[in-house]
C-alpha atoms as a PDB file:
ATOM      1  CA  MET A   1     138.636  61.186 168.643  1.00  0.00           C
ATOM      2  CA  THR A   2     141.752  62.726 169.734  1.00  0.00           C
ATOM      3  CA  GLN A   3     142.748  63.515 166.072  1.00  0.00           C
ATOM      4  CA  ASN A   4     139.490  65.236 165.611  1.00  0.00           C
ATOM      5  CA  THR A   5     140.189  67.206 168.706  1.00  0.00           C
ATOM      6  CA  HIS A   6     143.292  68.444 167.470  1.00  0.00           C
ATOM      7  CA  ASN A   7     142.257  69.322 164.299  1.00  0.00           C
ATOM      8  CA  THR A   8     139.464  71.483 165.704  1.00  0.00           C
ATOM      9  CA  GLY A   9     141.815  73.225 167.938  1.00  0.00           C
ATOM     10  CA  ARG A  10     144.078  74.109 165.143  1.00  0.00           C
ATOM     11  CA  ARG A  11     141.253  75.546 163.042  1.00  0.00           C
ATOM     12  CA  ASP A  12     139.912  77.342 166.070  1.00  0.00           C
ATOM     13  CA  PHE A  13     143.431  78.958 166.426  1.00  0.00           C
ATOM     14  CA  ILE A  14     143.930  79.682 162.972  1.00  0.00           C
ATOM     15  CA  ARG A  15     140.465  81.370 162.798  1.00  0.00           C
ATOM     16  CA  GLY A  16     141.171  83.444 165.948  1.00  0.00           C
ATOM     17  CA  ALA A  17     144.635  84.515 164.585  1.00  0.00           C
ATOM     18  CA  SER A  18     143.034  85.620 161.391  1.00  0.00           C
ATOM     19  CA  LEU A  19     140.532  87.628 163.249  1.00  0.00           C
ATOM     20  CA  LEU A  20     142.776  89.238 165.497  1.00  0.00           C
ATOM     21  CA  LEU A  21     145.357  90.011 162.447  1.00  0.00           C
ATOM     22  CA  THR A  22     142.442  91.563 160.560  1.00  0.00           C
ATOM     23  CA  GLY A  23     141.324  93.845 163.505  1.00  0.00           C
ATOM     24  CA  THR A  24     144.971  94.714 164.130  1.00  0.00           C
ATOM     25  CA  ALA A  25     145.185  95.913 160.444  1.00  0.00           C
ATOM     26  CA  ALA A  26     141.921  97.626 160.348  1.00  0.00           C
ATOM     27  CA  TYR A  27     143.164  99.379 163.695  1.00  0.00           C
ATOM     28  CA  THR A  28     146.527 100.474 162.173  1.00  0.00           C
ATOM     29  CA  LEU A  29     145.029 101.487 158.997  1.00  0.00           C
ATOM     30  CA  THR A  30     142.382 104.024 160.630  1.00  0.00           C
ATOM     31  CA  PRO A  31     143.332 107.464 159.757  1.00  0.00           C
ATOM     32  CA  ASN A  32     144.466 109.770 162.104  1.00  0.00           C
ATOM     33  CA  PHE A  33     142.486 113.299 161.724  1.00  0.00           C
ATOM     34  CA  ALA A  34     144.599 115.177 163.634  1.00  0.00           C
ATOM     35  CA  PHE A  35     146.174 117.643 161.064  1.00  0.00           C
ATOM     36  CA  ALA A  36     148.145 120.678 161.546  1.00  0.00           C
ATOM     37  CA  ALA A  37     146.078 123.662 160.428  1.00  0.00           C
ATOM     38  CA  GLY A  38     147.066 125.877 157.761  1.00  0.00           C
ATOM     39  CA  ASP A  39     149.767 123.222 156.480  1.00  0.00           C
ATOM     40  CA  ASP A  40     149.936 124.166 152.946  1.00  0.00           C
ATOM     41  CA  LEU A  41     152.059 121.099 151.797  1.00  0.00           C
ATOM     42  CA  LEU A  42     149.482 118.837 153.454  1.00  0.00           C
ATOM     43  CA  GLU A  43     146.447 120.520 151.619  1.00  0.00           C
ATOM     44  CA  ASP A  44     148.226 120.416 148.557  1.00  0.00           C
ATOM     45  CA  LEU A  45     148.936 116.833 148.651  1.00  0.00           C
ATOM     46  CA  ALA A  46     145.501 115.878 149.607  1.00  0.00           C
ATOM     47  CA  GLN A  47     144.273 117.708 146.463  1.00  0.00           C
ATOM     48  CA  VAL A  48     146.794 115.671 144.212  1.00  0.00           C
ATOM     49  CA  CYS A  49     145.442 112.647 145.902  1.00  0.00           C
ATOM     50  CA  TYR A  50     141.688 113.405 144.994  1.00  0.00           C
ATOM     51  CA  ALA A  51     142.737 114.764 141.553  1.00  0.00           C
ATOM     52  CA  MET A  52     144.176 111.335 141.111  1.00  0.00           C
ATOM     53  CA  TYR A  53     141.292 109.397 142.540  1.00  0.00           C
ATOM     54  CA  PRO A  54     138.401 111.751 142.565  1.00  0.00           C
ATOM     55  CA  HIS A  55     135.510 110.222 144.490  1.00  0.00           C
ATOM     56  CA  LYS A  56     132.778 113.008 145.494  1.00  0.00           C
ATOM     57  CA  GLN A  57     131.217 110.729 147.904  1.00  0.00           C
ATOM     58  CA  VAL A  58     134.721 110.227 150.125  1.00  0.00           C
ATOM     59  CA  PRO A  59     134.864 112.959 152.500  1.00  0.00           C
ATOM     60  CA  HIS A  60     138.087 115.080 152.046  1.00  0.00           C
ATOM     61  CA  ASP A  61     139.648 114.254 155.306  1.00  0.00           C
ATOM     62  CA  TYR A  62     140.276 110.792 154.128  1.00  0.00           C
ATOM     63  CA  TYR A  63     142.604 112.416 151.569  1.00  0.00           C
ATOM     64  CA  ARG A  64     143.939 114.518 154.267  1.00  0.00           C
ATOM     65  CA  ALA A  65     144.679 111.374 156.197  1.00  0.00           C
ATOM     66  CA  CYS A  66     146.220 109.712 153.124  1.00  0.00           C
ATOM     67  CA  ALA A  67     148.562 112.647 152.336  1.00  0.00           C
ATOM     68  CA  GLN A  68     149.282 112.658 156.096  1.00  0.00           C
ATOM     69  CA  GLY A  69     150.750 109.233 155.819  1.00  0.00           C
ATOM     70  CA  LEU A  70     152.798 110.284 153.191  1.00  0.00           C
ATOM     71  CA  LEU A  71     154.085 113.040 154.834  1.00  0.00           C
ATOM     72  CA  ASP A  72     154.623 111.054 157.863  1.00  0.00           C
ATOM     73  CA  LYS A  73     156.814 108.579 155.753  1.00  0.00           C
ATOM     74  CA  ALA A  74     158.734 111.741 154.389  1.00  0.00           C
ATOM     75  CA  LYS A  75     159.828 112.715 158.170  1.00  0.00           C
ATOM     76  CA  GLY A  76     162.698 110.146 158.403  1.00  0.00           C
ATOM     77  CA  ASP A  77     163.435 110.513 154.489  1.00  0.00           C
ATOM     78  CA  VAL A  78     165.321 113.529 153.553  1.00  0.00           C
ATOM     79  CA  ALA A  79     164.927 112.310 149.633  1.00  0.00           C
ATOM     80  CA  LEU A  80     161.031 111.758 149.839  1.00  0.00           C
ATOM     81  CA  ASN A  81     160.556 114.850 151.860  1.00  0.00           C
ATOM     82  CA  LYS A  82     162.493 116.834 148.833  1.00  0.00           C
ATOM     83  CA  LEU A  83     160.609 115.128 146.456  1.00  0.00           C
ATOM     84  CA  LEU A  84     157.302 115.954 147.757  1.00  0.00           C
ATOM     85  CA  SER A  85     158.079 119.450 148.133  1.00  0.00           C
ATOM     86  CA  GLU A  86     159.578 119.749 144.800  1.00  0.00           C
ATOM     87  CA  GLY A  87     156.588 118.009 142.975  1.00  0.00           C
ATOM     88  CA  VAL A  88     154.092 120.271 144.669  1.00  0.00           C
ATOM     89  CA  ALA A  89     156.646 123.325 143.961  1.00  0.00           C
ATOM     90  CA  GLN A  90     156.537 122.247 140.365  1.00  0.00           C
ATOM     91  CA  LEU A  91     152.489 121.892 140.511  1.00  0.00           C
ATOM     92  CA  ASN A  92     152.034 125.184 141.921  1.00  0.00           C
ATOM     93  CA  ALA A  93     154.158 127.110 139.677  1.00  0.00           C
ATOM     94  CA  ALA A  94     152.176 125.980 136.473  1.00  0.00           C
ATOM     95  CA  TYR A  95     149.254 128.329 137.286  1.00  0.00           C
ATOM     96  CA  PRO A  96     149.280 131.854 138.972  1.00  0.00           C
ATOM     97  CA  LYS A  97     147.203 129.920 141.781  1.00  0.00           C
ATOM     98  CA  PRO A  98     148.135 126.990 144.128  1.00  0.00           C
ATOM     99  CA  PHE A  99     147.145 123.646 142.642  1.00  0.00           C
ATOM    100  CA  ARG A 100     144.464 123.199 145.131  1.00  0.00           C
ATOM    101  CA  GLU A 101     142.708 126.262 143.947  1.00  0.00           C
ATOM    102  CA  ILE A 102     142.761 125.753 140.256  1.00  0.00           C
ATOM    103  CA  SER A 103     139.738 124.063 138.478  1.00  0.00           C
ATOM    104  CA  ALA A 104     139.567 120.189 138.386  1.00  0.00           C
ATOM    105  CA  ASP A 105     140.153 119.989 134.443  1.00  0.00           C
ATOM    106  CA  ASP A 106     143.423 122.070 134.982  1.00  0.00           C
ATOM    107  CA  GLN A 107     144.303 120.073 137.881  1.00  0.00           C
ATOM    108  CA  VAL A 108     144.004 116.769 135.783  1.00  0.00           C
ATOM    109  CA  LEU A 109     145.976 118.504 132.973  1.00  0.00           C
ATOM    110  CA  SER A 110     148.750 119.385 135.191  1.00  0.00           C
ATOM    111  CA  LEU A 111     149.230 115.844 136.635  1.00  0.00           C
ATOM    112  CA  LYS A 112     148.963 114.187 132.778  1.00  0.00           C
ATOM    113  CA  GLN A 113     152.121 116.362 132.102  1.00  0.00           C
ATOM    114  CA  ILE A 114     153.979 114.893 134.962  1.00  0.00           C
ATOM    115  CA  THR A 115     152.799 111.333 134.864  1.00  0.00           C
ATOM    116  CA  SER A 116     156.195 109.685 134.307  1.00  0.00           C
ATOM    117  CA  SER A 117     157.860 111.676 137.118  1.00  0.00           C
ATOM    118  CA  PRO A 118     159.033 110.137 140.714  1.00  0.00           C
ATOM    119  CA  PHE A 119     156.821 112.562 142.186  1.00  0.00           C
ATOM    120  CA  PHE A 120     153.862 111.603 140.281  1.00  0.00           C
ATOM    121  CA  LYS A 121     154.567 107.549 140.568  1.00  0.00           C
ATOM    122  CA  THR A 122     155.088 107.778 144.455  1.00  0.00           C
ATOM    123  CA  VAL A 123     151.972 109.784 145.224  1.00  0.00           C
ATOM    124  CA  ARG A 124     149.758 107.707 142.792  1.00  0.00           C
ATOM    125  CA  GLY A 125     151.189 104.536 144.510  1.00  0.00           C
ATOM    126  CA  HIS A 126     150.736 105.745 148.168  1.00  0.00           C
ATOM    127  CA  THR A 127     147.463 106.973 147.363  1.00  0.00           C
ATOM    128  CA  VAL A 128     146.115 103.458 145.967  1.00  0.00           C
ATOM    129  CA  VAL A 129     147.241 102.028 149.416  1.00  0.00           C
ATOM    130  CA  GLY A 130     146.692 104.772 151.663  1.00  0.00           C
ATOM    131  CA  LEU A 131     143.231 105.837 150.651  1.00  0.00           C
ATOM    132  CA  TYR A 132     141.704 102.504 149.531  1.00  0.00           C
ATOM    133  CA  ASN A 133     142.783 100.425 152.649  1.00  0.00           C
ATOM    134  CA  ILE A 134     141.006 102.703 155.157  1.00  0.00           C
ATOM    135  CA  PRO A 135     138.114 100.699 156.231  1.00  0.00           C
ATOM    136  CA  GLU A 136     135.591 103.740 156.882  1.00  0.00           C
ATOM    137  CA  VAL A 137     136.215 104.285 152.826  1.00  0.00           C
ATOM    138  CA  TRP A 138     134.846 101.032 152.010  1.00  0.00           C
ATOM    139  CA  LYS A 139     131.383 101.954 153.048  1.00  0.00           C
ATOM    140  CA  TYR A 140     131.404 104.908 150.256  1.00  0.00           C
ATOM    141  CA  PHE A 141     131.878 101.947 147.739  1.00  0.00           C
ATOM    142  CA  GLY A 142     129.565  99.352 149.108  1.00  0.00           C
ATOM    143  CA  TYR A 143     132.491  97.099 149.979  1.00  0.00           C
ATOM    144  CA  GLN A 144     131.803  94.611 152.923  1.00  0.00           C
ATOM    145  CA  GLY A 145     135.662  93.968 153.608  1.00  0.00           C
ATOM    146  CA  PRO A 146     137.457  90.957 153.439  1.00  0.00           C
ATOM    147  CA  SER A 147     135.386  87.739 153.430  1.00  0.00           C
ATOM    148  CA  PHE A 148     138.129  85.436 154.764  1.00  0.00           C
ATOM    149  CA  PRO A 149     137.682  86.052 158.382  1.00  0.00           C
ATOM    150  CA  HIS A 150     133.898  85.319 157.773  1.00  0.00           C
ATOM    151  CA  GLY A 151     134.053  82.261 156.023  1.00  0.00           C
ATOM    152  CA  GLY A 152     134.111  83.615 152.551  1.00  0.00           C
ATOM    153  CA  TYR A 153     131.733  84.791 150.153  1.00  0.00           C
ATOM    154  CA  LEU A 154     129.560  81.894 149.520  1.00  0.00           C
ATOM    155  CA  ASP A 155     127.522  82.121 152.603  1.00  0.00           C
ATOM    156  CA  ARG A 156     127.941  86.073 153.245  1.00  0.00           C
ATOM    157  CA  GLY A 157     125.787  88.034 150.343  1.00  0.00           C
ATOM    158  CA  PHE A 158     128.435  87.372 147.297  1.00  0.00           C
ATOM    159  CA  ASN A 159     125.445  88.519 145.031  1.00  0.00           C
ATOM    160  CA  ASP A 160     124.000  91.130 146.914  1.00  0.00           C
ATOM    161  CA  ILE A 161     125.908  94.153 145.144  1.00  0.00           C
ATOM    162  CA  ASN A 162     123.411  96.797 144.113  1.00  0.00           C
ATOM    163  CA  TRP A 163     126.074  99.282 142.136  1.00  0.00           C
ATOM    164  CA  ILE A 164     126.530  96.514 139.012  1.00  0.00           C
ATOM    165  CA  LYS A 165     123.537  97.059 136.759  1.00  0.00           C
END
């Protein structure tokens, strides 16, 4: 009987710890929407993120939050800051208008020309994590979130997706 109580206590502890970690991760991934007005680099990077991973149903503020996360990383990193500034300058120099003001087709063409560049790889890598790890974005794709803290998918609607036909 003591053994069973010990195992139950351990399971409860592990379950509680996993819920706490999941909640903490969700809180830390929640975007901060306090943007500097008129920040051209932020707006250009947000548009680059959108051009790489365009989802019309996702509000543009989430792309700005993703770009802001990248700029926050660059604050303490001179090389990253230079890479981002020069990468955006290169995209802006390709057309008479800034990157964010050209057509979506031209944006894609511009990005295809630099796919092997460190700028492209850095922004792409950050966007995959920075955009798709925002719990508020999940609802736009019908993703209910991780199943582990809730006991897995077996008893949690593993077959209720309606977007695959």
